[in-house]
Structures are given as structure tokens and as C-alpha cells.
Amino acid sequence: MPIHPTAVVDEAASVHATAEIGPYAIVGVNVTIGARTVVGAHAVIEGPTTLGEDNRVSALAALGGPPQDLKYKGEPTTLVIGHRNSFREFCTMHRGTVTGHGTTIIGDDNLFMAYAHVAHDCVVGNRTVFANGASLAGHCVVGDDAVLGAFAGVRQFLRIGRHAFIGAFAGINHDILPFLWSSSDRDVRAWKVNSVGLERKGFSKERVAALQKAYRILHRHRHDRAAMMAALEPVAAASDDVKMLRDFIAESKQGIHGA
């Protein structure tokens, strides 16, 4: 177990024999670190926190700290992190709260660039990218393959749909639709289908075309939710992606950043 002699690892922590703990890093009580995970210099991991295998925690990242919630009174909540994630310099990930669901959850294969922040009780899926300074307030849910641009800020209790792209500096106050490209030009709205990102993920031209047809419906009926949902029905019947988009809109409790 390559633990640097200047690192501080609590006796109640569980560190896999193949994990690495860098100089001056701190691993606290009730922290579990999986195989081949590397914790960089001066990083701090507080517990209860679980990191899976093959994660990379860069210098000065802080994972598993108490939630920034005035209602929190020191209850034993958790942070659970999957496999193959990268947490770059100065990232912060906080544990859950008992007024939420008690756990903050990070999936697999995510990239959190420098200064990214995930607050208490959030759920982040797989293969997402948080660019520098992108931040989630509490209780947010981010779907698989979503991308948050630099310094995008997401209000609490919101959802970011699968394969969504959010431009830099966007302030998000409503749910972000899956598959679409949203930015803060003039105001935050979905400007187009995230076609480049979808093609990079292996979407066929037919799947992208169906989503583009759905986007035109969203734009045409942006002031009439009932007409929008009715017009999406025949397209959703022929496309699972459009069905997911339609269901996301129907299930939204916070409203959506529309087309």
C-alpha cells in the first residue's frame, strides 16, 4: 500500500492495498478507498465516504465534507462514489443530509474539472463532464453523458437530462431537457439539438433527425404546453429518444428551460 509518509490516514479508514495516498493527503474516519484509486497531494477525504476502483483524486480536492446546509446538525450521512472518476484540483463533493435522502451519489467514468462542486443529496450519473467551476446546488439529478460548461450554476432540486449540453456561465433555474444544447445567450434556453455530442456518442443520423423534429415541435409550441405534448406523441411513438424527452417534460416539477 503506497502511502506517503507525510499522509494522514485514520485507523478507521479502509484503504485497498493497491491504492495510493500522496504527500500530505488526509483520509478520515469511515472512508473506504477501492483498488488502484490514487489520492493526490494535499487532498482531503472525509467520511463516511466510499470511493470505488480506479478513481483519480487530484491535489487539493476535498471530498466527503459536511453539507453546506444550515439544517445539518452532524448526522452520519454519506458520499458514495463509483469507479474511474477523475476529480481535478480543488473539486468539492459533499455528503447528504437527513432532510434529503442521506447520500450524495456519483456514478462511473465522470470528469470533474478544477473547482467543480457537487452539493449534498445530488445524484450524478455516468460519463458526465463538469468543466471548470461548474456547480450543483443540493438535491440535483444529472443524467448520463451530460456536459456542464465552465461556471455553469444549477439551482437546487433541478434535473439535467441525459446527453444535455449546458454552455459556459449559464445560470440554471429550471430543468434542462435531455439531448438538447442550452446556453445563456440573452437568456438560458435550449437552442438546438446537441447533435455533435450525440454523434460522438454513436447516435445514428436517424436518431438525431427524430430529435431535431421534436425540437422544432418544442419551439413551435413553446407557449402552449398542451399543444406541445400532443404534437410530440406521434414522433415519440417512433423514437425512444423522443419518448424519453417527452416523459422528461411531463415529469418536470420545476419547469423547463424551453426552446
C-alpha atoms as a PDB file:
ATOM      1  CA  MET A   1       0.000   0.000   0.000  1.00  0.00           C
ATOM      2  CA  PRO A   2       1.972   3.069  -1.219  1.00  0.00           C
ATOM      3  CA  ILE A   3       1.018   5.669   1.393  1.00  0.00           C
ATOM      4  CA  HIS A   4       3.357   8.646   1.522  1.00  0.00           C
ATOM      5  CA  PRO A   5       4.954   9.061   4.957  1.00  0.00           C
ATOM      6  CA  THR A   6       3.534  12.569   5.299  1.00  0.00           C
ATOM      7  CA  ALA A   7      -0.057  11.462   4.599  1.00  0.00           C
ATOM      8  CA  VAL A   8      -2.509  11.133   7.498  1.00  0.00           C
ATOM      9  CA  VAL A   9      -4.768   8.079   7.249  1.00  0.00           C
ATOM     10  CA  ASP A  10      -7.226   7.417  10.069  1.00  0.00           C
ATOM     11  CA  GLU A  11      -7.067   3.983  11.667  1.00  0.00           C
ATOM     12  CA  ALA A  12     -10.787   3.609  10.953  1.00  0.00           C
ATOM     13  CA  ALA A  13     -10.277   4.150   7.209  1.00  0.00           C
ATOM     14  CA  SER A  14     -10.144   1.206   4.803  1.00  0.00           C
ATOM     15  CA  VAL A  15      -7.617   1.662   2.008  1.00  0.00           C
ATOM     16  CA  HIS A  16      -7.099  -1.065  -0.577  1.00  0.00           C
ATOM     17  CA  ALA A  17      -3.586  -2.444  -0.821  1.00  0.00           C
ATOM     18  CA  THR A  18      -3.244  -1.189  -4.417  1.00  0.00           C
ATOM     19  CA  ALA A  19      -4.467   2.349  -3.723  1.00  0.00           C
ATOM     20  CA  GLU A  20      -2.032   5.275  -3.485  1.00  0.00           C
ATOM     21  CA  ILE A  21      -2.159   8.146  -0.994  1.00  0.00           C
ATOM     22  CA  GLY A  22       0.022  11.133  -1.842  1.00  0.00           C
ATOM     23  CA  PRO A  23       2.034  13.531   0.296  1.00  0.00           C
ATOM     24  CA  TYR A  24       0.145  15.475   2.977  1.00  0.00           C
ATOM     25  CA  ALA A  25      -3.181  13.957   1.927  1.00  0.00           C
ATOM     26  CA  ILE A  26      -5.731  13.336   4.694  1.00  0.00           C
ATOM     27  CA  VAL A  27      -8.019  10.296   4.724  1.00  0.00           C
ATOM     28  CA  GLY A  28     -10.534  10.485   7.548  1.00  0.00           C
ATOM     29  CA  VAL A  29     -12.568   8.106   9.661  1.00  0.00           C
ATOM     30  CA  ASN A  30     -15.055   5.807   7.876  1.00  0.00           C
ATOM     31  CA  VAL A  31     -13.513   6.381   4.461  1.00  0.00           C
ATOM     32  CA  THR A  32     -13.250   3.402   2.108  1.00  0.00           C
ATOM     33  CA  ILE A  33     -10.917   3.651  -0.889  1.00  0.00           C
ATOM     34  CA  GLY A  34     -11.030   0.993  -3.592  1.00  0.00           C
ATOM     35  CA  ALA A  35      -8.389  -0.710  -5.687  1.00  0.00           C
ATOM     36  CA  ARG A  36      -5.968   1.386  -7.757  1.00  0.00           C
ATOM     37  CA  THR A  37      -7.530   4.668  -6.676  1.00  0.00           C
ATOM     38  CA  VAL A  38      -4.966   7.453  -6.442  1.00  0.00           C
ATOM     39  CA  VAL A  39      -5.316  10.326  -3.959  1.00  0.00           C
ATOM     40  CA  GLY A  40      -3.074  13.276  -4.761  1.00  0.00           C
ATOM     41  CA  ALA A  41      -1.037  15.627  -2.619  1.00  0.00           C
ATOM     42  CA  HIS A  42      -2.928  17.673  -0.007  1.00  0.00           C
ATOM     43  CA  ALA A  43      -6.289  16.150  -0.975  1.00  0.00           C
ATOM     44  CA  VAL A  44      -8.775  15.696   1.877  1.00  0.00           C
ATOM     45  CA  ILE A  45     -11.335  12.874   2.056  1.00  0.00           C
ATOM     46  CA  GLU A  46     -13.734  12.921   4.994  1.00  0.00           C
ATOM     47  CA  GLY A  47     -16.151  10.170   5.920  1.00  0.00           C
ATOM     48  CA  PRO A  48     -18.414   8.403   5.774  1.00  0.00           C
ATOM     49  CA  THR A  49     -17.285   8.264   2.136  1.00  0.00           C
ATOM     50  CA  THR A  50     -16.792   5.358  -0.260  1.00  0.00           C
ATOM     51  CA  LEU A  51     -14.656   5.558  -3.392  1.00  0.00           C
ATOM     52  CA  GLY A  52     -14.698   2.650  -5.821  1.00  0.00           C
ATOM     53  CA  GLU A  53     -11.881   1.474  -8.045  1.00  0.00           C
ATOM     54  CA  ASP A  54      -9.537   3.378 -10.375  1.00  0.00           C
ATOM     55  CA  ASN A  55     -10.557   6.876  -9.288  1.00  0.00           C
ATOM     56  CA  ARG A  56      -8.120   9.796  -9.542  1.00  0.00           C
ATOM     57  CA  VAL A  57      -8.331  12.487  -6.870  1.00  0.00           C
ATOM     58  CA  SER A  58      -6.049  15.394  -7.765  1.00  0.00           C
ATOM     59  CA  ALA A  59      -4.145  17.710  -5.480  1.00  0.00           C
ATOM     60  CA  LEU A  60      -6.200  19.814  -3.060  1.00  0.00           C
ATOM     61  CA  ALA A  61      -9.553  18.231  -3.912  1.00  0.00           C
ATOM     62  CA  ALA A  62     -11.933  17.893  -0.939  1.00  0.00           C
ATOM     63  CA  LEU A  63     -14.385  15.003  -0.950  1.00  0.00           C
ATOM     64  CA  GLY A  64     -16.923  13.955   1.668  1.00  0.00           C
ATOM     65  CA  GLY A  65     -17.120  17.175   3.645  1.00  0.00           C
ATOM     66  CA  PRO A  66     -20.264  18.033   5.628  1.00  0.00           C
ATOM     67  CA  PRO A  67     -23.114  19.575   3.623  1.00  0.00           C
ATOM     68  CA  GLN A  68     -23.390  23.349   3.380  1.00  0.00           C
ATOM     69  CA  ASP A  69     -26.891  23.265   4.846  1.00  0.00           C
ATOM     70  CA  LEU A  70     -27.908  25.246   7.933  1.00  0.00           C
ATOM     71  CA  LYS A  71     -30.256  22.427   8.951  1.00  0.00           C
ATOM     72  CA  TYR A  72     -27.404  19.918   9.146  1.00  0.00           C
ATOM     73  CA  LYS A  73     -26.557  19.001  12.744  1.00  0.00           C
ATOM     74  CA  GLY A  74     -23.787  16.483  12.256  1.00  0.00           C
ATOM     75  CA  GLU A  75     -25.887  13.445  11.331  1.00  0.00           C
ATOM     76  CA  PRO A  76     -23.968  10.461   9.832  1.00  0.00           C
ATOM     77  CA  THR A  77     -24.739  10.969   6.144  1.00  0.00           C
ATOM     78  CA  THR A  78     -22.648   9.640   3.258  1.00  0.00           C
ATOM     79  CA  LEU A  79     -20.929  10.249  -0.066  1.00  0.00           C
ATOM     80  CA  VAL A  80     -20.782   7.274  -2.438  1.00  0.00           C
ATOM     81  CA  ILE A  81     -18.512   7.419  -5.498  1.00  0.00           C
ATOM     82  CA  GLY A  82     -18.303   4.770  -8.220  1.00  0.00           C
ATOM     83  CA  HIS A  83     -15.379   3.799 -10.443  1.00  0.00           C
ATOM     84  CA  ARG A  84     -12.941   5.518 -12.823  1.00  0.00           C
ATOM     85  CA  ASN A  85     -13.875   9.079 -11.945  1.00  0.00           C
ATOM     86  CA  SER A  86     -11.432  11.977 -12.166  1.00  0.00           C
ATOM     87  CA  PHE A  87     -11.613  14.799  -9.622  1.00  0.00           C
ATOM     88  CA  ARG A  88      -9.289  17.608 -10.592  1.00  0.00           C
ATOM     89  CA  GLU A  89      -7.742  20.289  -8.414  1.00  0.00           C
ATOM     90  CA  PHE A  90      -9.948  21.970  -5.776  1.00  0.00           C
ATOM     91  CA  CYS A  91     -13.066  19.897  -6.538  1.00  0.00           C
ATOM     92  CA  THR A  92     -15.568  19.693  -3.674  1.00  0.00           C
ATOM     93  CA  MET A  93     -18.148  16.928  -3.159  1.00  0.00           C
ATOM     94  CA  HIS A  94     -20.323  16.965  -0.022  1.00  0.00           C
ATOM     95  CA  ARG A  95     -22.206  14.285   1.888  1.00  0.00           C
ATOM     96  CA  GLY A  96     -26.020  14.127   2.001  1.00  0.00           C
ATOM     97  CA  THR A  97     -28.489  15.367   4.615  1.00  0.00           C
ATOM     98  CA  VAL A  98     -31.204  13.634   6.621  1.00  0.00           C
ATOM     99  CA  THR A  99     -33.728  16.072   5.160  1.00  0.00           C
ATOM    100  CA  GLY A 100     -32.690  14.783   1.712  1.00  0.00           C
ATOM    101  CA  HIS A 101     -32.052  11.113   1.042  1.00  0.00           C
ATOM    102  CA  GLY A 102     -28.942  10.984   3.215  1.00  0.00           C
ATOM    103  CA  THR A 103     -26.458  10.263   0.439  1.00  0.00           C
ATOM    104  CA  THR A 104     -24.710  12.104  -2.368  1.00  0.00           C
ATOM    105  CA  ILE A 105     -24.086   9.695  -5.244  1.00  0.00           C
ATOM    106  CA  ILE A 106     -21.510   9.913  -8.042  1.00  0.00           C
ATOM    107  CA  GLY A 107     -21.591   7.232 -10.763  1.00  0.00           C
ATOM    108  CA  ASP A 108     -18.782   5.983 -13.011  1.00  0.00           C
ATOM    109  CA  ASP A 109     -16.399   7.495 -15.581  1.00  0.00           C
ATOM    110  CA  ASN A 110     -17.121  11.145 -14.777  1.00  0.00           C
ATOM    111  CA  LEU A 111     -14.719  14.061 -15.190  1.00  0.00           C
ATOM    112  CA  PHE A 112     -14.914  16.921 -12.705  1.00  0.00           C
ATOM    113  CA  MET A 113     -12.527  19.669 -13.752  1.00  0.00           C
ATOM    114  CA  ALA A 114     -10.894  22.147 -11.385  1.00  0.00           C
ATOM    115  CA  TYR A 115     -13.194  23.839  -8.832  1.00  0.00           C
ATOM    116  CA  ALA A 116     -16.278  21.826  -9.825  1.00  0.00           C
ATOM    117  CA  HIS A 117     -18.756  21.381  -6.961  1.00  0.00           C
ATOM    118  CA  VAL A 118     -21.454  18.801  -6.187  1.00  0.00           C
ATOM    119  CA  ALA A 119     -23.594  19.667  -3.179  1.00  0.00           C
ATOM    120  CA  HIS A 120     -25.489  17.474  -0.730  1.00  0.00           C
ATOM    121  CA  ASP A 121     -28.030  14.868  -1.851  1.00  0.00           C
ATOM    122  CA  CYS A 122     -27.193  15.193  -5.549  1.00  0.00           C
ATOM    123  CA  VAL A 123     -27.172  12.193  -7.868  1.00  0.00           C
ATOM    124  CA  VAL A 124     -24.750  12.306 -10.802  1.00  0.00           C
ATOM    125  CA  GLY A 125     -24.899   9.558 -13.420  1.00  0.00           C
ATOM    126  CA  ASN A 126     -22.152   8.162 -15.632  1.00  0.00           C
ATOM    127  CA  ARG A 127     -19.760   9.690 -18.176  1.00  0.00           C
ATOM    128  CA  THR A 128     -20.662  13.279 -17.363  1.00  0.00           C
ATOM    129  CA  VAL A 129     -18.280  16.222 -17.722  1.00  0.00           C
ATOM    130  CA  PHE A 130     -18.253  19.176 -15.331  1.00  0.00           C
ATOM    131  CA  ALA A 131     -15.977  21.872 -16.755  1.00  0.00           C
ATOM    132  CA  ASN A 132     -14.035  24.260 -14.527  1.00  0.00           C
ATOM    133  CA  GLY A 133     -16.194  25.761 -11.779  1.00  0.00           C
ATOM    134  CA  ALA A 134     -19.451  24.051 -12.812  1.00  0.00           C
ATOM    135  CA  SER A 135     -21.584  23.646  -9.688  1.00  0.00           C
ATOM    136  CA  LEU A 136     -24.694  21.873  -8.468  1.00  0.00           C
ATOM    137  CA  ALA A 137     -26.737  23.085  -5.520  1.00  0.00           C
ATOM    138  CA  GLY A 138     -28.386  20.464  -3.321  1.00  0.00           C
ATOM    139  CA  HIS A 139     -30.784  17.701  -4.413  1.00  0.00           C
ATOM    140  CA  CYS A 140     -29.993  17.920  -8.158  1.00  0.00           C
ATOM    141  CA  VAL A 141     -30.037  14.935 -10.524  1.00  0.00           C
ATOM    142  CA  VAL A 142     -27.735  14.794 -13.559  1.00  0.00           C
ATOM    143  CA  GLY A 143     -28.359  12.154 -16.230  1.00  0.00           C
ATOM    144  CA  ASP A 144     -25.744  10.083 -18.029  1.00  0.00           C
ATOM    145  CA  ASP A 145     -23.470  11.747 -20.607  1.00  0.00           C
ATOM    146  CA  ALA A 146     -24.467  15.317 -19.704  1.00  0.00           C
ATOM    147  CA  VAL A 147     -21.908  18.124 -20.099  1.00  0.00           C
ATOM    148  CA  LEU A 148     -21.862  21.280 -17.933  1.00  0.00           C
ATOM    149  CA  GLY A 149     -19.778  24.143 -19.293  1.00  0.00           C
ATOM    150  CA  ALA A 150     -17.392  26.244 -17.252  1.00  0.00           C
ATOM    151  CA  PHE A 151     -19.009  28.021 -14.279  1.00  0.00           C
ATOM    152  CA  ALA A 152     -22.499  26.777 -15.076  1.00  0.00           C
ATOM    153  CA  GLY A 153     -24.541  27.056 -11.883  1.00  0.00           C
ATOM    154  CA  VAL A 154     -27.530  24.785 -11.225  1.00  0.00           C
ATOM    155  CA  ARG A 155     -30.176  25.707  -8.644  1.00  0.00           C
ATOM    156  CA  GLN A 156     -31.279  23.118  -6.067  1.00  0.00           C
ATOM    157  CA  PHE A 157     -33.828  20.367  -6.862  1.00  0.00           C
ATOM    158  CA  LEU A 158     -33.290  20.555 -10.636  1.00  0.00           C
ATOM    159  CA  ARG A 159     -32.735  17.803 -13.201  1.00  0.00           C
ATOM    160  CA  ILE A 160     -30.254  17.783 -16.065  1.00  0.00           C
ATOM    161  CA  GLY A 161     -31.370  15.327 -18.747  1.00  0.00           C
ATOM    162  CA  ARG A 162     -29.250  12.658 -20.416  1.00  0.00           C
ATOM    163  CA  HIS A 163     -26.904  13.870 -23.185  1.00  0.00           C
ATOM    164  CA  ALA A 164     -27.732  17.515 -22.395  1.00  0.00           C
ATOM    165  CA  PHE A 165     -25.108  20.175 -23.035  1.00  0.00           C
ATOM    166  CA  ILE A 166     -25.058  23.382 -20.954  1.00  0.00           C
ATOM    167  CA  GLY A 167     -22.955  26.288 -22.159  1.00  0.00           C
ATOM    168  CA  ALA A 168     -20.459  28.171 -20.028  1.00  0.00           C
ATOM    169  CA  PHE A 169     -21.639  30.678 -17.394  1.00  0.00           C
ATOM    170  CA  ALA A 170     -25.283  29.587 -17.651  1.00  0.00           C
ATOM    171  CA  GLY A 171     -27.434  30.104 -14.565  1.00  0.00           C
ATOM    172  CA  ILE A 172     -29.903  27.217 -14.468  1.00  0.00           C
ATOM    173  CA  ASN A 173     -33.257  27.823 -12.754  1.00  0.00           C
ATOM    174  CA  HIS A 174     -35.369  25.142 -14.475  1.00  0.00           C
ATOM    175  CA  ASP A 175     -34.862  21.550 -15.612  1.00  0.00           C
ATOM    176  CA  ILE A 176     -32.607  21.083 -18.636  1.00  0.00           C
ATOM    177  CA  LEU A 177     -34.053  18.906 -21.377  1.00  0.00           C
ATOM    178  CA  PRO A 178     -32.205  15.736 -22.440  1.00  0.00           C
ATOM    179  CA  PHE A 179     -30.401  15.658 -25.802  1.00  0.00           C
ATOM    180  CA  LEU A 180     -30.522  19.453 -26.255  1.00  0.00           C
ATOM    181  CA  TRP A 181     -27.895  22.191 -26.257  1.00  0.00           C
ATOM    182  CA  SER A 182     -28.681  25.036 -23.840  1.00  0.00           C
ATOM    183  CA  SER A 183     -26.758  28.241 -23.236  1.00  0.00           C
ATOM    184  CA  SER A 184     -27.077  31.660 -21.631  1.00  0.00           C
ATOM    185  CA  ASP A 185     -27.069  33.766 -24.824  1.00  0.00           C
ATOM    186  CA  ARG A 186     -29.559  36.531 -23.921  1.00  0.00           C
ATOM    187  CA  ASP A 187     -31.399  34.104 -21.635  1.00  0.00           C
ATOM    188  CA  VAL A 188     -30.975  30.436 -20.799  1.00  0.00           C
ATOM    189  CA  ARG A 189     -32.870  28.277 -23.256  1.00  0.00           C
ATOM    190  CA  ALA A 190     -32.483  25.192 -25.389  1.00  0.00           C
ATOM    191  CA  TRP A 191     -31.133  26.474 -28.682  1.00  0.00           C
ATOM    192  CA  LYS A 192     -30.730  23.248 -30.663  1.00  0.00           C
ATOM    193  CA  VAL A 193     -30.209  19.501 -30.502  1.00  0.00           C
ATOM    194  CA  ASN A 194     -26.795  18.533 -29.131  1.00  0.00           C
ATOM    195  CA  SER A 195     -26.082  16.810 -32.461  1.00  0.00           C
ATOM    196  CA  VAL A 196     -22.278  16.919 -32.287  1.00  0.00           C
ATOM    197  CA  GLY A 197     -22.242  15.396 -28.804  1.00  0.00           C
ATOM    198  CA  LEU A 198     -24.799  12.762 -29.773  1.00  0.00           C
ATOM    199  CA  GLU A 199     -22.864  11.738 -32.875  1.00  0.00           C
ATOM    200  CA  ARG A 200     -19.715  11.390 -30.781  1.00  0.00           C
ATOM    201  CA  LYS A 201     -21.684   9.011 -28.541  1.00  0.00           C
ATOM    202  CA  GLY A 202     -22.656   6.884 -31.520  1.00  0.00           C
ATOM    203  CA  PHE A 203     -26.160   8.174 -32.278  1.00  0.00           C
ATOM    204  CA  SER A 204     -27.258   7.419 -35.856  1.00  0.00           C
ATOM    205  CA  LYS A 205     -28.371  10.164 -38.221  1.00  0.00           C
ATOM    206  CA  GLU A 206     -31.927   8.818 -37.935  1.00  0.00           C
ATOM    207  CA  ARG A 207     -31.950   9.168 -34.145  1.00  0.00           C
ATOM    208  CA  VAL A 208     -30.598  12.716 -34.362  1.00  0.00           C
ATOM    209  CA  ALA A 209     -33.142  13.607 -37.069  1.00  0.00           C
ATOM    210  CA  ALA A 210     -36.011  12.425 -34.856  1.00  0.00           C
ATOM    211  CA  LEU A 211     -34.761  14.618 -32.025  1.00  0.00           C
ATOM    212  CA  GLN A 212     -34.409  17.585 -34.369  1.00  0.00           C
ATOM    213  CA  LYS A 213     -38.029  17.072 -35.437  1.00  0.00           C
ATOM    214  CA  ALA A 214     -39.025  17.023 -31.760  1.00  0.00           C
ATOM    215  CA  TYR A 215     -37.053  20.226 -31.123  1.00  0.00           C
ATOM    216  CA  ARG A 216     -38.942  22.014 -33.897  1.00  0.00           C
ATOM    217  CA  ILE A 217     -42.178  20.978 -32.156  1.00  0.00           C
ATOM    218  CA  LEU A 218     -40.909  22.340 -28.852  1.00  0.00           C
ATOM    219  CA  HIS A 219     -40.033  25.636 -30.485  1.00  0.00           C
ATOM    220  CA  ARG A 220     -43.317  25.897 -32.396  1.00  0.00           C
ATOM    221  CA  HIS A 221     -45.455  25.240 -29.298  1.00  0.00           C
ATOM    222  CA  ARG A 222     -43.211  26.794 -26.650  1.00  0.00           C
ATOM    223  CA  HIS A 223     -46.106  28.878 -25.278  1.00  0.00           C
ATOM    224  CA  ASP A 224     -48.657  26.074 -25.257  1.00  0.00           C
ATOM    225  CA  ARG A 225     -47.642  23.019 -23.190  1.00  0.00           C
ATOM    226  CA  ALA A 226     -50.770  21.009 -24.063  1.00  0.00           C
ATOM    227  CA  ALA A 227     -50.265  21.503 -27.800  1.00  0.00           C
ATOM    228  CA  MET A 228     -46.579  20.664 -27.427  1.00  0.00           C
ATOM    229  CA  MET A 229     -47.252  17.367 -25.682  1.00  0.00           C
ATOM    230  CA  ALA A 230     -49.934  16.399 -28.180  1.00  0.00           C
ATOM    231  CA  ALA A 231     -47.678  17.163 -31.155  1.00  0.00           C
ATOM    232  CA  LEU A 232     -44.827  15.116 -29.646  1.00  0.00           C
ATOM    233  CA  GLU A 233     -46.946  11.967 -29.350  1.00  0.00           C
ATOM    234  CA  PRO A 234     -46.637  10.644 -32.943  1.00  0.00           C
ATOM    235  CA  VAL A 235     -42.896  11.369 -33.006  1.00  0.00           C
ATOM    236  CA  ALA A 236     -42.409   9.695 -29.620  1.00  0.00           C
ATOM    237  CA  ALA A 237     -44.262   6.627 -30.867  1.00  0.00           C
ATOM    238  CA  ALA A 238     -41.491   6.072 -33.426  1.00  0.00           C
ATOM    239  CA  SER A 239     -38.481   7.168 -31.342  1.00  0.00           C
ATOM    240  CA  ASP A 240     -37.421   6.012 -27.875  1.00  0.00           C
ATOM    241  CA  ASP A 241     -35.253   9.124 -27.565  1.00  0.00           C
ATOM    242  CA  VAL A 242     -38.190  11.446 -28.225  1.00  0.00           C
ATOM    243  CA  LYS A 243     -40.292   9.387 -25.807  1.00  0.00           C
ATOM    244  CA  MET A 244     -37.649   9.999 -23.133  1.00  0.00           C
ATOM    245  CA  LEU A 245     -37.688  13.716 -23.967  1.00  0.00           C
ATOM    246  CA  ARG A 246     -41.492  13.830 -23.788  1.00  0.00           C
ATOM    247  CA  ASP A 247     -41.552  11.965 -20.466  1.00  0.00           C
ATOM    248  CA  PHE A 248     -38.896  14.283 -19.030  1.00  0.00           C
ATOM    249  CA  ILE A 249     -41.091  17.289 -19.846  1.00  0.00           C
ATOM    250  CA  ALA A 250     -44.202  15.623 -18.425  1.00  0.00           C
ATOM    251  CA  GLU A 251     -42.428  14.735 -15.162  1.00  0.00           C
ATOM    252  CA  SER A 252     -40.846  18.156 -14.609  1.00  0.00           C
ATOM    253  CA  LYS A 253     -41.849  19.765 -11.304  1.00  0.00           C
ATOM    254  CA  GLN A 254     -39.587  22.819 -11.636  1.00  0.00           C
ATOM    255  CA  GLY A 255     -40.438  23.814 -15.201  1.00  0.00           C
ATOM    256  CA  ILE A 256     -38.053  23.527 -18.141  1.00  0.00           C
ATOM    257  CA  HIS A 257     -35.690  25.807 -19.984  1.00  0.00           C
ATOM    258  CA  GLY A 258     -37.659  25.581 -23.212  1.00  0.00           C
ATOM    259  CA  ALA A 259     -36.796  26.024 -26.856  1.00  0.00           C
END
